Amino acid sequence: MPSLSSNQQSTLYVKKTLILPKIAVVGNHTIGCHLARIVAGNADNFQSYIKSMYTILQPDNHLTLMVQLESGFPNRFRYLVIITCIGKQQTEESALLGFDVTSSEITIGMTLPIWADLDISLDGDGGFKVTSYDQCYMFKPVSVQALWTAYQSLHKASNQARHYNYITNTGVTHDWLEYYRHIDLRSNQIYINEWNQMNDILSHRSDSPHLYQPLSSDEKALRTRINVKLKELMLQVDLDQVTPKFLREQLENAFEMSLSSYKQYIDDEMLQILAQMDKPTMILPHLYLGSEWNASNFEELKANNIGYVLNVSREIDNFFPGHFKYLNVRVHDHDDANLLKEWEKTFRFINEAKLNNQSCLVHCKMGISRSASTVLAYLMKENNHSLVDALEHVKQRRSCVNPNGGFRNQLLIYEGILAAHKTFRSKLNNCQITTTTKTMSTTSTPLESLSSVSEDLMVLMRKKLPNKIYGGTIRPNSLA
């Protein structure tokens, strides 16, 4: 690295704050006078990390901030980075990238455009929360200085986004960011899940083994024996008639030792085993519907050949991100939650499992409303079922299924959309279509016409929906 001027040296703090002048040549980047603020707890490998990042950055993108975050994985560093680019409107646009750095590679685990609505708030625990539209991220820098620098830089970038009124989904700004979402640059899914952690998740997966002191081999063996024996005991007794203390005493008698120091562990395992006794419901050979507890039972997931997990909840974490492919639909079980917009995506996810000869578990908290609605939508499209037929099929297998009123209405709308698609395809097959290239180039594509039909149907359904639900053939009680 070239020598720093006296003024630049005054702003350099070893292993705390580092402001590097971009005057080196890295790859095809000629780094000019733009300054990159770099704040981290370990400066030993800054130069190699920066060079690696610049090999990933596009030539016209600038790195303006690099902050090290806490990491839950050994021998892996996480960096929150702000990059900027002059966009189509000849104004500066900014985005957040999350870099995962190991000894062998550097990849991207998070990509977030900085829109006008970006909100930054401290969490009171040494970190801060960034919210934009329906996305929310939690970041915990490695030092107070790193927190302060990141907080300031993000406020500056968000103020600029508000000044130019950068709004999502307009297609006017941030199109250059697609490059960083390319599959070859993406981090391992287990790292991506750490970037996507949310502070209001109520049900968390257990801490990964590397986050606490490893158990001794004797300790692991004893816990395994406790778990196996506890399952055996719980299957032998009437669980309505015995207490947790009774079960612990039975374990102590079996092992001929006091297990008082394992009280909490035994209670936790007891609840887990109770929940796991409630099996997931097979809806189709490749499709299971279940609860949070089913999603947390690793052995059961493997036994059912489940390789895909569709988590239709806002409050439940992904329990085994390193072992299964996850799709999250983050909604609460509220009447006004919009599930309809997700059902094409969930349909493709479930069918991906089928094509790969694996099964998909769809779950929410209890497997009653959110996940059940998603499974019903899948059956309506995959098996050409009406809503009534799909509901009958599912309730025969899982009697507790009961979508809330908002989801019922959305299922009726979805039924209408599917009917319109079917009608359109039928008419299309009955019409003579000119196949010359010239004619095809001047007529609407089936997909464009189909979209128009769907939009018209949505409007019509909304107007007629109350009559259909309450005065027609389908009533709320029939869906309960």
Protein backbone atom coordinates (compact mmCIF):
# COMPACT_ATOMS: atom_id res chain seq x y z
CA MET A 1 0.00 0.00 0.00
CA PRO A 2 1.39 3.52 -0.79
CA SER A 3 2.46 5.65 2.15
CA LEU A 4 -0.17 7.85 3.78
CA SER A 5 0.08 11.61 4.13
CA SER A 6 0.40 13.07 7.62
CA ASN A 7 -3.25 14.13 7.48
CA GLN A 8 -4.33 10.62 6.47
CA GLN A 9 -2.16 9.06 9.15
CA SER A 10 -3.91 11.13 11.78
CA THR A 11 -7.18 9.41 10.92
CA LEU A 12 -5.78 5.88 11.08
CA TYR A 13 -6.37 3.91 14.28
CA VAL A 14 -4.82 0.48 14.39
CA LYS A 15 -7.44 -2.24 14.77
CA LYS A 16 -10.17 0.33 15.38
CA THR A 17 -10.91 2.80 12.61
CA LEU A 18 -9.18 2.91 9.26
CA ILE A 19 -9.82 5.36 6.43
CA LEU A 20 -8.02 4.20 3.32
CA PRO A 21 -7.41 6.48 0.34
CA LYS A 22 -8.30 4.61 -2.85
CA ILE A 23 -5.09 5.17 -4.74
CA ALA A 24 -4.11 1.58 -5.46
CA VAL A 25 -4.85 -0.34 -8.63
CA VAL A 26 -6.82 -3.53 -7.92
CA GLY A 27 -7.75 -5.74 -10.87
CA ASN A 28 -9.43 -3.54 -13.44
CA HIS A 29 -10.30 -0.88 -10.84
CA THR A 30 -8.30 2.28 -10.71
CA ILE A 31 -9.15 3.53 -7.25
CA GLY A 32 -9.25 7.30 -7.18
CA CYS A 33 -9.55 9.85 -4.42
CA HIS A 34 -12.81 8.44 -3.08
CA LEU A 35 -12.39 7.43 0.57
CA ALA A 36 -13.51 4.12 2.02
CA ARG A 37 -14.24 4.17 5.74
CA ILE A 38 -13.24 0.83 7.24
CA VAL A 39 -14.01 -0.05 10.84
CA ALA A 40 -13.20 -3.43 12.33
CA GLY A 41 -11.86 -5.24 15.34
CA ASN A 42 -9.02 -6.96 13.51
CA ALA A 43 -7.00 -5.03 10.93
CA ASP A 44 -4.47 -7.79 10.16
CA ASN A 45 -6.09 -8.87 6.90
CA PHE A 46 -7.67 -5.61 5.80
CA GLN A 47 -5.58 -5.28 2.68
CA SER A 48 -6.30 -8.77 1.35
CA TYR A 49 -10.01 -8.45 2.15
CA ILE A 50 -10.29 -5.09 0.43
CA LYS A 51 -8.50 -6.38 -2.65
CA SER A 52 -10.82 -9.38 -2.78
CA MET A 53 -13.87 -7.14 -2.51
CA TYR A 54 -12.65 -4.92 -5.31
CA THR A 55 -12.30 -7.92 -7.59
CA ILE A 56 -16.03 -8.49 -7.06
CA LEU A 57 -17.16 -4.87 -7.40
CA GLN A 58 -18.11 -3.59 -10.83
CA PRO A 59 -15.67 -0.98 -12.20
CA ASP A 60 -18.09 1.95 -11.80
CA ASN A 61 -19.10 1.02 -8.23
CA HIS A 62 -17.43 2.59 -5.21
CA LEU A 63 -16.98 1.10 -1.75
CA THR A 64 -17.69 3.85 0.79
CA LEU A 65 -18.03 1.89 4.03
CA MET A 66 -16.78 -1.44 5.36
CA VAL A 67 -17.79 -2.41 8.91
CA GLN A 68 -17.01 -5.71 10.58
CA LEU A 69 -19.95 -7.45 12.27
CA GLU A 70 -20.11 -10.19 14.86
CA SER A 71 -20.17 -13.68 13.37
CA GLY A 72 -21.64 -16.92 14.68
CA PHE A 73 -19.17 -19.04 12.74
CA PRO A 74 -15.49 -19.61 13.50
CA ASN A 75 -12.91 -18.64 10.86
CA ARG A 76 -15.45 -16.51 9.01
CA PHE A 77 -15.70 -12.72 8.97
CA ARG A 78 -18.80 -10.69 8.16
CA TYR A 79 -18.61 -7.22 6.69
CA LEU A 80 -21.41 -4.75 6.10
CA VAL A 81 -20.49 -2.67 3.07
CA ILE A 82 -22.04 0.41 1.44
CA ILE A 83 -21.43 0.73 -2.28
CA THR A 84 -22.46 3.61 -4.54
CA CYS A 85 -22.98 4.02 -8.27
CA ILE A 86 -24.13 6.77 -10.63
CA GLY A 87 -27.47 5.47 -11.93
CA LYS A 88 -29.66 6.07 -14.97
CA GLN A 89 -30.76 9.46 -13.66
CA GLN A 90 -27.13 10.58 -13.26
CA THR A 91 -27.56 10.69 -9.49
CA GLU A 92 -25.72 8.68 -6.86
CA GLU A 93 -27.46 5.50 -5.74
CA SER A 94 -26.38 3.41 -2.74
CA ALA A 95 -26.87 -0.15 -1.55
CA LEU A 96 -25.88 -2.39 1.33
CA LEU A 97 -23.97 -5.61 0.68
CA GLY A 98 -23.19 -8.30 3.23
CA PHE A 99 -19.82 -9.95 2.57
CA ASP A 100 -18.91 -13.35 4.02
CA VAL A 101 -15.15 -13.86 4.12
CA THR A 102 -13.37 -17.14 4.78
CA SER A 103 -9.81 -18.24 4.14
CA SER A 104 -10.84 -19.72 0.79
CA GLU A 105 -13.48 -17.37 -0.63
CA ILE A 106 -15.42 -14.14 -0.36
CA THR A 107 -19.15 -14.19 -1.18
CA ILE A 108 -22.28 -12.06 -0.78
CA GLY A 109 -24.95 -13.05 1.73
CA MET A 110 -27.16 -9.97 1.58
CA THR A 111 -28.14 -7.31 -0.96
CA LEU A 112 -30.33 -4.34 0.02
CA PRO A 113 -30.94 -1.21 -2.08
CA ILE A 114 -31.10 1.99 -0.03
CA TRP A 115 -34.55 3.39 -0.81
CA ALA A 116 -36.21 6.56 0.42
CA ASP A 117 -38.10 4.71 3.17
CA LEU A 118 -35.00 3.19 4.82
CA ASP A 119 -35.25 3.41 8.61
CA ILE A 120 -32.31 2.92 10.99
CA SER A 121 -32.76 2.43 14.74
CA LEU A 122 -30.55 1.26 17.60
CA ASP A 123 -31.60 -1.95 19.34
CA GLY A 124 -30.22 -1.08 22.78
CA ASP A 125 -27.90 -4.09 22.74
CA GLY A 126 -24.94 -2.84 20.77
CA GLY A 127 -26.54 -3.24 17.34
CA PHE A 128 -28.97 -1.52 15.01
CA LYS A 129 -31.97 -2.44 12.89
CA VAL A 130 -32.45 -1.49 9.25
CA THR A 131 -35.97 -1.64 7.82
CA SER A 132 -37.02 -1.04 4.22
CA TYR A 133 -40.46 -1.95 2.87
CA ASP A 134 -41.02 -5.59 3.90
CA GLN A 135 -37.36 -6.29 4.67
CA CYS A 136 -35.77 -6.04 8.11
CA TYR A 137 -32.16 -6.73 9.06
CA MET A 138 -30.29 -6.72 12.37
CA PHE A 139 -26.60 -5.80 12.47
CA LYS A 140 -24.24 -6.00 15.44
CA PRO A 141 -20.86 -4.32 14.77
CA VAL A 142 -17.80 -5.52 16.65
CA SER A 143 -17.18 -2.22 18.46
CA VAL A 144 -18.81 1.02 19.59
CA GLN A 145 -16.75 2.89 17.02
CA ALA A 146 -17.94 0.57 14.26
CA LEU A 147 -21.55 1.06 15.39
CA TRP A 148 -21.24 4.84 15.34
CA THR A 149 -19.55 4.94 11.94
CA ALA A 150 -22.11 2.62 10.35
CA TYR A 151 -25.00 4.54 11.90
CA GLN A 152 -23.73 7.86 10.54
CA SER A 153 -22.97 6.51 7.07
CA LEU A 154 -26.37 4.86 6.71
CA HIS A 155 -28.18 8.03 7.73
CA LYS A 156 -26.24 9.96 5.12
CA ALA A 157 -27.08 7.44 2.39
CA SER A 158 -30.76 7.28 3.36
CA ASN A 159 -31.04 11.09 3.40
CA GLN A 160 -29.72 11.13 -0.14
CA ALA A 161 -32.23 8.46 -1.20
CA ARG A 162 -35.04 10.58 0.23
CA HIS A 163 -33.72 13.67 -1.52
CA TYR A 164 -33.92 11.94 -4.91
CA ASN A 165 -37.08 10.01 -3.91
CA TYR A 166 -35.76 6.55 -4.71
CA ILE A 167 -38.78 4.23 -4.59
CA THR A 168 -38.75 0.44 -4.99
CA ASN A 169 -40.13 -1.44 -8.01
CA THR A 170 -40.09 1.54 -10.35
CA GLY A 171 -37.29 0.08 -12.49
CA VAL A 172 -35.69 3.51 -12.65
CA THR A 173 -32.94 3.03 -10.06
CA HIS A 174 -30.60 0.37 -8.70
CA ASP A 175 -30.75 -1.92 -11.75
CA TRP A 176 -26.96 -2.29 -11.47
CA LEU A 177 -27.51 -4.20 -8.21
CA GLU A 178 -28.72 -7.32 -10.05
CA TYR A 179 -25.09 -8.20 -10.75
CA TYR A 180 -24.50 -8.84 -7.03
CA ARG A 181 -27.44 -11.25 -6.80
CA HIS A 182 -25.85 -13.64 -9.29
CA ILE A 183 -25.74 -17.21 -8.04
CA ASP A 184 -21.96 -17.48 -8.47
CA LEU A 185 -21.44 -14.69 -5.93
CA ARG A 186 -23.95 -15.92 -3.35
CA SER A 187 -22.89 -17.18 0.05
CA ASN A 188 -23.69 -20.60 1.45
CA GLN A 189 -27.33 -20.74 2.59
CA ILE A 190 -26.35 -21.18 6.23
CA TYR A 191 -24.51 -17.83 6.07
CA ILE A 192 -27.41 -16.15 4.27
CA ASN A 193 -29.71 -17.22 7.09
CA GLU A 194 -27.55 -15.35 9.58
CA TRP A 195 -27.92 -12.15 7.54
CA ASN A 196 -31.69 -12.69 7.51
CA GLN A 197 -32.10 -13.11 11.26
CA MET A 198 -34.87 -10.96 12.77
CA ASN A 199 -35.15 -9.57 16.27
CA ASP A 200 -38.82 -10.48 16.75
CA ILE A 201 -38.55 -14.17 15.93
CA LEU A 202 -40.25 -15.98 18.81
CA SER A 203 -39.19 -19.56 18.08
CA HIS A 204 -35.49 -19.94 17.44
CA ARG A 205 -33.46 -22.91 16.36
CA SER A 206 -31.01 -24.15 18.97
CA ASP A 207 -27.64 -22.44 19.06
CA SER A 208 -25.19 -24.02 16.68
CA PRO A 209 -22.56 -26.14 18.46
CA HIS A 210 -19.78 -23.66 17.68
CA LEU A 211 -21.54 -20.90 19.68
CA TYR A 212 -20.89 -22.47 23.06
CA GLN A 213 -18.28 -24.59 24.79
CA PRO A 214 -18.39 -28.09 23.28
CA LEU A 215 -19.69 -30.83 25.54
CA SER A 216 -17.34 -33.54 26.60
CA SER A 217 -17.86 -36.96 25.04
CA ASP A 218 -19.21 -38.27 28.36
CA GLU A 219 -21.67 -35.38 28.58
CA LYS A 220 -22.89 -35.95 25.04
CA ALA A 221 -23.30 -39.67 25.67
CA LEU A 222 -25.32 -39.07 28.85
CA ARG A 223 -27.65 -36.57 27.13
CA THR A 224 -28.22 -39.03 24.31
CA ARG A 225 -29.05 -41.78 26.80
CA ILE A 226 -31.44 -39.45 28.66
CA ASN A 227 -33.22 -38.55 25.44
CA VAL A 228 -33.63 -42.18 24.34
CA LYS A 229 -34.82 -43.38 27.77
CA LEU A 230 -37.17 -40.42 28.19
CA LYS A 231 -38.87 -41.21 24.87
CA GLU A 232 -39.22 -44.82 25.94
CA LEU A 233 -40.80 -43.86 29.28
CA MET A 234 -43.20 -41.37 27.73
CA LEU A 235 -44.49 -44.00 25.34
CA GLN A 236 -45.14 -46.41 28.23
CA VAL A 237 -47.15 -44.15 30.58
CA ASP A 238 -50.40 -42.19 30.46
CA LEU A 239 -49.10 -38.67 30.04
CA ASP A 240 -52.35 -37.24 31.45
CA GLN A 241 -51.62 -38.96 34.75
CA VAL A 242 -47.90 -38.40 35.38
CA THR A 243 -45.84 -35.34 36.25
CA PRO A 244 -42.47 -34.20 34.88
CA LYS A 245 -41.01 -34.94 38.31
CA PHE A 246 -42.24 -38.53 38.08
CA LEU A 247 -40.52 -38.98 34.72
CA ARG A 248 -37.28 -37.51 36.03
CA GLU A 249 -37.39 -39.86 39.03
CA GLN A 250 -37.92 -42.79 36.68
CA LEU A 251 -34.86 -41.69 34.72
CA GLU A 252 -32.82 -41.47 37.92
CA ASN A 253 -33.91 -44.97 38.91
CA ALA A 254 -32.96 -46.28 35.48
CA PHE A 255 -29.51 -44.63 35.53
CA GLU A 256 -29.00 -45.10 39.29
CA MET A 257 -27.78 -41.51 39.68
CA SER A 258 -29.05 -38.05 40.52
CA LEU A 259 -30.08 -35.96 37.51
CA SER A 260 -30.94 -32.78 39.41
CA SER A 261 -28.41 -30.79 37.37
CA TYR A 262 -30.25 -31.90 34.21
CA LYS A 263 -33.70 -30.69 35.27
CA GLN A 264 -33.88 -27.96 32.65
CA TYR A 265 -32.54 -30.23 29.92
CA ILE A 266 -35.06 -32.98 30.77
CA ASP A 267 -37.95 -30.51 30.79
CA ASP A 268 -36.90 -29.09 27.42
CA GLU A 269 -36.55 -32.56 25.92
CA MET A 270 -39.92 -33.56 27.38
CA LEU A 271 -41.70 -30.71 25.60
CA GLN A 272 -39.86 -31.45 22.39
CA ILE A 273 -40.80 -35.13 22.50
CA LEU A 274 -44.43 -34.28 23.27
CA ALA A 275 -44.58 -32.03 20.25
CA GLN A 276 -42.87 -34.53 18.02
CA MET A 277 -45.49 -37.14 18.88
CA ASP A 278 -47.84 -35.06 16.71
CA LYS A 279 -46.85 -36.27 13.25
CA PRO A 280 -47.03 -34.12 10.11
CA THR A 281 -49.85 -34.88 7.69
CA MET A 282 -49.12 -36.35 4.27
CA ILE A 283 -51.31 -34.47 1.80
CA LEU A 284 -49.63 -35.90 -1.30
CA PRO A 285 -46.65 -38.27 -1.53
CA HIS A 286 -44.34 -35.27 -1.93
CA LEU A 287 -46.25 -32.81 0.28
CA TYR A 288 -46.60 -32.68 4.08
CA LEU A 289 -48.52 -30.20 6.23
CA GLY A 290 -47.42 -29.69 9.81
CA SER A 291 -46.56 -27.47 12.74
CA GLU A 292 -43.54 -25.74 14.19
CA TRP A 293 -42.76 -28.90 16.12
CA ASN A 294 -42.61 -31.02 12.98
CA ALA A 295 -40.23 -28.49 11.47
CA SER A 296 -37.95 -28.91 14.49
CA ASN A 297 -37.82 -32.73 14.38
CA PHE A 298 -34.73 -33.53 12.35
CA GLU A 299 -35.13 -37.30 12.48
CA GLU A 300 -38.74 -37.10 11.35
CA LEU A 301 -37.89 -34.77 8.46
CA LYS A 302 -35.24 -37.15 7.22
CA ALA A 303 -37.49 -40.20 7.66
CA ASN A 304 -40.13 -38.54 5.45
CA ASN A 305 -37.58 -37.73 2.72
CA ILE A 306 -38.13 -34.02 3.26
CA GLY A 307 -35.52 -31.87 1.56
CA TYR A 308 -37.59 -28.68 1.27
CA VAL A 309 -39.24 -26.72 4.09
CA LEU A 310 -41.78 -23.96 3.39
CA ASN A 311 -42.02 -21.80 6.51
CA VAL A 312 -45.25 -19.76 6.35
CA SER A 313 -44.80 -17.76 9.55
CA ARG A 314 -43.39 -14.49 10.77
CA GLU A 315 -42.41 -15.66 14.23
CA ILE A 316 -40.62 -19.00 13.67
CA ASP A 317 -36.98 -19.43 12.68
CA ASN A 318 -35.59 -22.00 10.23
CA PHE A 319 -34.33 -24.80 12.47
CA PHE A 320 -31.84 -26.61 10.21
CA PRO A 321 -30.68 -24.16 7.52
CA GLY A 322 -27.60 -26.18 6.72
CA HIS A 323 -29.54 -29.37 5.94
CA PHE A 324 -32.71 -28.37 4.07
CA LYS A 325 -33.71 -25.85 1.42
CA TYR A 326 -35.99 -23.20 2.94
CA LEU A 327 -38.50 -20.74 1.55
CA ASN A 328 -39.89 -18.21 4.02
CA VAL A 329 -43.24 -16.47 3.66
CA ARG A 330 -43.12 -14.02 6.53
CA VAL A 331 -46.75 -13.33 7.50
CA HIS A 332 -48.77 -13.37 10.73
CA ASP A 333 -52.06 -15.25 11.02
CA HIS A 334 -54.12 -12.09 10.46
CA ASP A 335 -57.13 -11.56 8.22
CA ASP A 336 -55.39 -8.73 6.39
CA ALA A 337 -52.16 -10.65 5.68
CA ASN A 338 -51.62 -11.08 1.93
CA LEU A 339 -50.91 -14.72 1.08
CA LEU A 340 -52.41 -14.61 -2.41
CA LYS A 341 -49.35 -12.87 -3.88
CA GLU A 342 -47.08 -15.67 -2.58
CA TRP A 343 -48.87 -18.70 -4.00
CA GLU A 344 -47.19 -18.80 -7.40
CA LYS A 345 -43.81 -18.75 -5.67
CA THR A 346 -44.82 -21.44 -3.16
CA PHE A 347 -46.26 -23.57 -5.98
CA ARG A 348 -42.92 -23.54 -7.78
CA PHE A 349 -41.04 -24.33 -4.56
CA ILE A 350 -43.17 -27.39 -3.76
CA ASN A 351 -42.89 -28.65 -7.33
CA GLU A 352 -39.13 -28.19 -7.22
CA ALA A 353 -39.09 -30.70 -4.36
CA LYS A 354 -41.23 -33.08 -6.41
CA LEU A 355 -38.97 -32.79 -9.47
CA ASN A 356 -35.97 -33.59 -7.27
CA ASN A 357 -37.70 -36.71 -5.87
CA GLN A 358 -37.96 -35.16 -2.41
CA SER A 359 -40.82 -34.06 -0.19
CA CYS A 360 -41.72 -30.61 1.05
CA LEU A 361 -43.00 -29.79 4.55
CA VAL A 362 -45.27 -26.73 4.67
CA HIS A 363 -45.65 -25.42 8.21
CA CYS A 364 -46.62 -22.43 10.31
CA LYS A 365 -47.13 -22.41 14.09
CA MET A 366 -49.82 -25.10 14.29
CA GLY A 367 -50.44 -26.21 10.69
CA ILE A 368 -54.00 -24.88 10.77
CA SER A 369 -54.37 -21.58 8.92
CA ARG A 370 -51.39 -20.04 7.09
CA SER A 371 -49.68 -23.21 5.95
CA ALA A 372 -53.03 -24.94 5.36
CA SER A 373 -54.14 -22.11 3.05
CA THR A 374 -50.89 -22.41 1.11
CA VAL A 375 -51.38 -26.17 0.70
CA LEU A 376 -54.98 -25.64 -0.44
CA ALA A 377 -53.80 -23.16 -3.07
CA TYR A 378 -51.23 -25.68 -4.27
CA LEU A 379 -53.83 -28.45 -4.64
CA MET A 380 -56.17 -26.14 -6.53
CA LYS A 381 -53.52 -25.45 -9.13
CA GLU A 382 -51.58 -28.74 -9.22
CA ASN A 383 -54.56 -31.12 -9.16
CA ASN A 384 -57.15 -28.80 -10.73
CA HIS A 385 -59.26 -28.99 -7.56
CA SER A 386 -62.03 -26.58 -6.67
CA LEU A 387 -61.62 -24.94 -3.28
CA VAL A 388 -64.33 -27.21 -1.84
CA ASP A 389 -62.64 -30.34 -3.18
CA ALA A 390 -59.21 -29.23 -2.01
CA LEU A 391 -60.56 -28.46 1.45
CA GLU A 392 -62.28 -31.84 1.67
CA HIS A 393 -59.07 -33.59 0.60
CA VAL A 394 -57.01 -31.81 3.27
CA LYS A 395 -59.57 -32.00 6.11
CA GLN A 396 -59.92 -35.76 5.62
CA ARG A 397 -56.23 -36.00 6.45
CA ARG A 398 -55.89 -33.14 8.93
CA SER A 399 -59.19 -32.28 10.58
CA CYS A 400 -57.89 -29.22 12.45
CA VAL A 401 -57.37 -27.23 9.22
CA ASN A 402 -59.19 -23.88 9.47
CA PRO A 403 -57.98 -20.89 7.39
CA ASN A 404 -58.88 -17.48 8.80
CA GLY A 405 -61.51 -15.35 7.04
CA GLY A 406 -59.01 -13.29 5.09
CA PHE A 407 -57.27 -16.36 3.70
CA ARG A 408 -60.63 -17.93 2.76
CA ASN A 409 -61.49 -14.88 0.69
CA GLN A 410 -58.07 -14.99 -0.97
CA LEU A 411 -58.57 -18.68 -1.80
CA LEU A 412 -61.88 -17.83 -3.48
CA ILE A 413 -60.17 -15.13 -5.52
CA TYR A 414 -57.39 -17.55 -6.41
CA GLU A 415 -59.98 -20.12 -7.50
CA GLY A 416 -61.42 -17.51 -9.85
CA ILE A 417 -58.00 -16.64 -11.24
CA LEU A 418 -57.25 -20.29 -11.95
CA ALA A 419 -60.65 -20.69 -13.63
CA ALA A 420 -59.93 -17.69 -15.84
CA HIS A 421 -56.57 -19.15 -16.82
CA LYS A 422 -58.22 -22.45 -17.67
CA THR A 423 -60.92 -20.74 -19.75
CA PHE A 424 -58.33 -18.71 -21.59
CA ARG A 425 -56.27 -21.77 -22.46
CA SER A 426 -59.40 -23.58 -23.63
CA LYS A 427 -60.39 -20.72 -25.93
CA LEU A 428 -56.85 -20.49 -27.17
CA ASN A 429 -56.85 -24.15 -28.16
CA ASN A 430 -60.13 -23.72 -30.04
CA CYS A 431 -58.95 -20.75 -32.07
CA GLN A 432 -56.90 -20.86 -35.21
CA ILE A 433 -53.63 -19.07 -34.56
CA THR A 434 -51.49 -17.75 -37.37
CA THR A 435 -48.00 -19.00 -36.79
CA THR A 436 -46.00 -16.67 -38.99
CA THR A 437 -43.34 -14.66 -37.24
CA LYS A 438 -44.78 -11.40 -38.55
CA THR A 439 -48.23 -12.08 -37.10
CA MET A 440 -46.89 -13.29 -33.77
CA SER A 441 -44.82 -10.14 -33.39
CA THR A 442 -47.88 -7.91 -33.78
CA THR A 443 -50.30 -9.75 -31.50
CA SER A 444 -50.48 -10.03 -27.73
CA THR A 445 -48.78 -13.06 -26.26
CA PRO A 446 -50.93 -15.54 -24.35
CA LEU A 447 -49.24 -14.47 -21.12
CA GLU A 448 -50.07 -10.79 -21.70
CA SER A 449 -53.70 -11.58 -22.46
CA LEU A 450 -53.83 -13.93 -19.49
CA SER A 451 -52.58 -11.21 -17.20
CA SER A 452 -55.35 -8.91 -18.44
CA VAL A 453 -57.97 -11.59 -17.85
CA SER A 454 -56.64 -12.17 -14.31
CA GLU A 455 -56.74 -8.46 -13.46
CA ASP A 456 -60.32 -8.12 -14.74
CA LEU A 457 -61.32 -11.19 -12.77
CA MET A 458 -59.74 -9.83 -9.58
CA VAL A 459 -61.84 -6.66 -9.87
CA LEU A 460 -64.98 -8.68 -10.59
CA MET A 461 -64.34 -11.08 -7.71
CA ARG A 462 -63.86 -8.23 -5.25
CA LYS A 463 -67.21 -6.75 -6.32
CA LYS A 464 -69.08 -10.02 -6.13
CA LEU A 465 -67.17 -11.72 -3.33
CA PRO A 466 -69.58 -10.90 -0.43
CA ASN A 467 -72.53 -12.39 -2.34
CA LYS A 468 -70.58 -15.48 -3.25
CA ILE A 469 -69.40 -16.11 0.29
CA TYR A 470 -72.50 -15.35 2.26
CA GLY A 471 -75.35 -15.81 -0.21
CA GLY A 472 -74.01 -18.41 -2.62
CA THR A 473 -72.73 -21.93 -2.52
CA ILE A 474 -69.76 -21.40 -0.21
CA ARG A 475 -70.12 -20.05 3.29
CA PRO A 476 -67.44 -19.38 5.94
CA ASN A 477 -68.73 -22.24 8.09
CA SER A 478 -68.17 -24.68 5.26
CA LEU A 479 -64.51 -23.73 5.23
CA ALA A 480 -63.94 -23.97 8.96
